[in-house]
Protein backbone atom coordinates (compact mmCIF):
# COMPACT_ATOMS: atom_id res chain seq x y z
CA MET A 1 -16.88 49.46 -241.63
CA TYR A 2 -14.64 49.38 -238.56
CA ILE A 3 -14.04 53.15 -238.70
CA ASN A 4 -17.76 53.93 -238.84
CA THR A 5 -18.42 51.68 -235.83
CA PHE A 6 -15.53 53.30 -233.98
CA LYS A 7 -16.81 56.81 -234.77
CA ARG A 8 -20.29 55.88 -233.55
CA LYS A 9 -18.83 54.61 -230.28
CA ILE A 10 -16.85 57.83 -229.83
CA PHE A 11 -19.92 60.00 -230.44
CA LEU A 12 -21.96 57.81 -228.08
CA VAL A 13 -19.33 58.10 -225.33
CA TYR A 14 -19.07 61.85 -225.97
CA GLY A 15 -22.85 62.30 -225.71
CA ILE A 16 -23.07 60.26 -222.52
CA THR A 17 -20.16 62.21 -221.04
CA LEU A 18 -21.86 65.53 -221.72
CA ILE A 19 -25.12 64.29 -220.21
CA LEU A 20 -23.28 63.09 -217.11
CA LEU A 21 -21.44 66.39 -216.79
CA LEU A 22 -24.69 68.31 -216.95
CA ALA A 23 -26.18 65.95 -214.40
CA LEU A 24 -23.23 66.60 -212.08
CA ASN A 25 -23.97 70.34 -212.19
CA PRO A 26 -27.73 70.60 -211.75
CA TYR A 27 -27.50 74.37 -211.38
CA SER A 28 -26.15 74.93 -214.88
CA MET A 29 -29.51 74.81 -216.66
CA ALA A 30 -32.09 74.25 -213.97
CA MET A 31 -32.81 77.92 -213.31
CA SER A 32 -32.12 81.30 -214.81
CA GLY A 33 -29.73 83.67 -213.03
CA ASP A 34 -32.65 85.69 -211.59
CA GLN A 35 -34.29 82.57 -210.18
CA ARG A 36 -31.01 81.46 -208.60
CA GLU A 37 -30.58 84.82 -206.87
CA GLN A 38 -34.04 84.49 -205.32
CA SER A 39 -33.34 81.03 -203.95
CA SER A 40 -30.75 80.52 -201.21
CA ASN A 41 -30.55 76.83 -202.18
CA TYR A 42 -28.74 77.65 -205.43
CA PRO A 43 -25.24 79.11 -205.67
CA SER A 44 -24.67 82.37 -207.50
CA ASP A 45 -23.08 82.44 -210.95
CA ASN A 46 -19.78 83.52 -209.36
CA GLU A 47 -19.89 80.63 -206.92
CA ASN A 48 -20.52 78.23 -209.80
CA LYS A 49 -17.57 79.69 -211.72
CA ASN A 50 -15.31 79.51 -208.66
CA ASN A 51 -16.30 75.91 -207.99
CA PHE A 52 -15.74 75.02 -211.62
CA LEU A 53 -12.28 76.59 -211.68
CA SER A 54 -11.20 74.90 -208.48
CA ASP A 55 -12.44 71.52 -209.74
CA SER A 56 -10.96 70.66 -213.11
CA PHE A 57 -13.08 67.52 -213.55
CA LEU A 58 -14.74 68.73 -216.74
CA THR A 59 -11.55 70.00 -218.33
CA ASP A 60 -9.45 66.98 -217.41
CA LYS A 61 -12.01 64.41 -218.52
CA LEU A 62 -12.96 66.10 -221.78
CA PHE A 63 -9.33 66.74 -222.63
CA LYS A 64 -8.28 63.16 -221.92
CA LEU A 65 -11.23 61.73 -223.83
CA PHE A 66 -11.50 64.10 -226.76
CA GLY A 67 -8.64 66.60 -226.71
CA VAL A 68 -10.84 69.60 -225.89
CA THR A 69 -10.84 72.00 -223.00
CA THR A 70 -13.33 74.48 -221.71
CA LEU A 71 -13.97 77.49 -223.87
CA ASP A 72 -13.04 80.15 -221.33
CA PRO A 73 -13.45 83.45 -223.22
CA GLU A 74 -10.39 84.89 -221.47
CA ILE A 75 -8.25 81.99 -222.71
CA GLU A 76 -9.73 82.36 -226.19
CA LEU A 77 -8.75 86.07 -226.28
CA ALA A 78 -5.27 85.22 -225.01
CA LEU A 79 -5.00 82.54 -227.71
CA ASP A 80 -5.97 84.93 -230.48
CA ALA A 81 -3.56 87.61 -229.26
CA SER A 82 -0.70 85.15 -228.77
CA TYR A 83 -1.13 83.70 -232.25
CA ILE A 84 -0.88 87.16 -233.77
CA ILE A 85 1.99 88.37 -231.57
CA GLU A 86 4.10 85.22 -231.30
CA SER A 87 4.23 84.12 -234.94
CA ASP A 88 2.66 87.02 -236.83
CA SER A 89 -0.43 84.86 -237.47
CA GLY A 90 1.60 81.81 -238.44
CA LYS A 91 4.08 83.58 -240.74
CA ASN A 92 7.10 83.31 -238.43
CA LEU A 93 7.21 79.81 -236.93
CA ILE A 94 10.60 80.00 -235.21
CA GLY A 95 11.46 82.37 -232.37
CA ASP A 96 13.76 82.85 -229.39
CA ASP A 97 16.83 81.68 -231.36
CA GLY A 98 15.11 78.41 -232.28
CA ARG A 99 13.83 77.53 -228.80
CA SER A 100 10.23 78.51 -229.56
CA ILE A 101 8.58 76.67 -232.45
CA GLY A 102 5.25 76.78 -234.25
CA PRO A 103 2.33 79.18 -234.58
CA LEU A 104 2.24 79.80 -230.81
CA HIS A 105 6.04 79.66 -230.31
CA ILE A 106 5.94 76.74 -227.88
CA GLN A 107 9.12 75.65 -226.13
CA LYS A 108 9.96 72.03 -225.30
CA GLN A 109 9.50 72.74 -221.59
CA ALA A 110 5.84 73.66 -222.18
CA ILE A 111 5.22 70.34 -223.97
CA ASP A 112 6.88 68.47 -221.10
CA ASP A 113 4.86 70.47 -218.57
CA VAL A 114 1.50 69.79 -220.26
CA ASN A 115 2.30 66.08 -220.57
CA ARG A 116 3.15 66.03 -216.85
CA ILE A 117 -0.09 67.87 -216.02
CA LEU A 118 -2.17 65.43 -218.07
CA GLY A 119 -0.36 62.42 -216.66
CA TYR A 120 0.55 60.89 -220.01
CA LYS A 121 2.42 61.79 -223.20
CA ALA A 122 -0.36 63.55 -225.08
CA PHE A 123 1.94 65.76 -227.15
CA THR A 124 5.28 65.46 -228.92
CA TYR A 125 7.75 68.21 -229.74
CA SER A 126 6.74 68.02 -233.40
CA ASP A 127 3.13 68.86 -232.40
CA ARG A 128 4.33 72.42 -231.88
CA MET A 129 4.23 72.93 -235.66
CA SER A 130 0.52 72.07 -235.87
CA LEU A 131 -1.87 74.93 -235.18
CA GLU A 132 -4.53 72.54 -233.88
CA GLU A 133 -2.18 70.72 -231.51
CA SER A 134 -0.57 74.00 -230.43
CA CYS A 135 -4.00 75.33 -229.47
CA LYS A 136 -4.65 72.23 -227.36
CA VAL A 137 -1.30 72.66 -225.59
CA PHE A 138 -2.03 76.36 -225.06
CA LYS A 139 -5.46 75.73 -223.57
CA ALA A 140 -4.32 72.86 -221.33
CA TYR A 141 -1.37 74.90 -220.05
CA LEU A 142 -3.42 78.00 -219.32
CA ASP A 143 -6.34 76.06 -217.89
CA PHE A 144 -4.01 74.41 -215.38
CA TYR A 145 -2.03 77.51 -214.45
CA GLY A 146 -5.17 79.65 -214.46
CA GLN A 147 -6.62 77.35 -211.81
CA ARG A 148 -3.37 77.58 -209.88
CA TYR A 149 -3.55 81.40 -210.11
CA PHE A 150 -7.12 81.29 -208.78
CA LYS A 151 -6.10 79.08 -205.85
CA LYS A 152 -3.20 81.42 -204.99
CA THR A 153 -4.97 84.76 -205.38
CA GLY A 154 -8.68 84.02 -205.07
CA LYS A 155 -9.19 86.02 -208.27
CA GLN A 156 -10.48 84.87 -211.64
CA PRO A 157 -7.71 84.86 -214.26
CA THR A 158 -8.06 87.64 -216.80
CA THR A 159 -6.83 87.76 -220.37
CA GLU A 160 -3.82 89.71 -219.08
CA VAL A 161 -2.98 86.97 -216.58
CA TYR A 162 -3.24 84.29 -219.27
CA VAL A 163 -1.12 86.21 -221.80
CA ARG A 164 1.56 86.89 -219.21
CA ILE A 165 1.60 83.26 -218.00
CA TRP A 166 1.94 82.06 -221.58
CA ASN A 167 4.80 84.48 -222.21
CA GLY A 168 6.63 84.13 -218.90
CA GLY A 169 5.73 80.72 -217.48
CA PRO A 170 3.55 79.73 -214.53
CA ASN A 171 4.38 82.87 -212.54
CA GLY A 172 4.66 85.15 -215.57
CA TYR A 173 1.72 87.23 -214.40
CA GLN A 174 4.03 88.60 -211.67
CA SER A 175 7.05 89.22 -213.90
CA VAL A 176 8.02 92.71 -215.00
CA LYS A 177 9.43 91.11 -218.18
CA THR A 178 5.93 90.16 -219.40
CA LYS A 179 4.41 93.64 -219.12
CA ASN A 180 5.64 94.70 -222.56
CA HIS A 181 4.20 91.53 -224.08
CA TRP A 182 0.84 92.31 -222.47
CA GLN A 183 0.93 95.83 -223.96
CA LYS A 184 1.34 94.29 -227.43
CA ALA A 185 -1.53 91.89 -226.72
CA LYS A 186 -3.80 94.74 -225.59
CA GLU A 187 -3.20 96.54 -228.86
CA VAL A 188 -4.23 93.41 -230.77
CA ILE A 189 -7.27 92.60 -228.62
CA PHE A 190 -8.71 96.06 -228.00
C-alpha cells in the first residue's frame, strides 16, 4: 500500500516537473521552426540550444529528482561507442590495471567528480559495476563538461568531444593521447 502511494507521488511530481519545464521554455512547442524564423520575437533553434546548454536547470533538476539527464544524441553516440570500446560491450569489466571498473571503465576520480558536480553523494564506487548507474555517471559527467566546453569555445560539443573527454578527462578533447581512442570510436559509430 505504502509503495503504491509513494509511486503515485513520484509520478505526480514527475508530471508536474515536466509541465513546469515546458512552461519555462514557451518556445519549445509553441511554434514550428519555420514560424520561429519568420518572427523576430522567437529565438532560432540554435539560440534555444545554446541557451539550454548554458543553463543546466533541466538537467540538474531532472537528474536530482529522477536520475535522468537530457538525451543529447551526441552523448548517446559517445555512450554507445564507449561501451563497446571500453569493456567490449560488457565482457571486460576491469581495465587500466584495475583502476577502471565496470562496463564503461569508470575510475574512482570520475565518481568523486560527478558527486561533487551534483552536490551530494549520488554514486558509490560499487555503482561502477552496474550498467544503469554507469550510464547515469557517464551522462552527468559529459553533460557537465560538455557545457564547460561550450562556455570555453562557443561551440556545441560533438560526439568526438564527448568521447575524448570521457577518455582523457575534462580537457581530453585537447589531448593528443585521446586521438587514437576517437579513431576507434569512429570505426564503431560510422
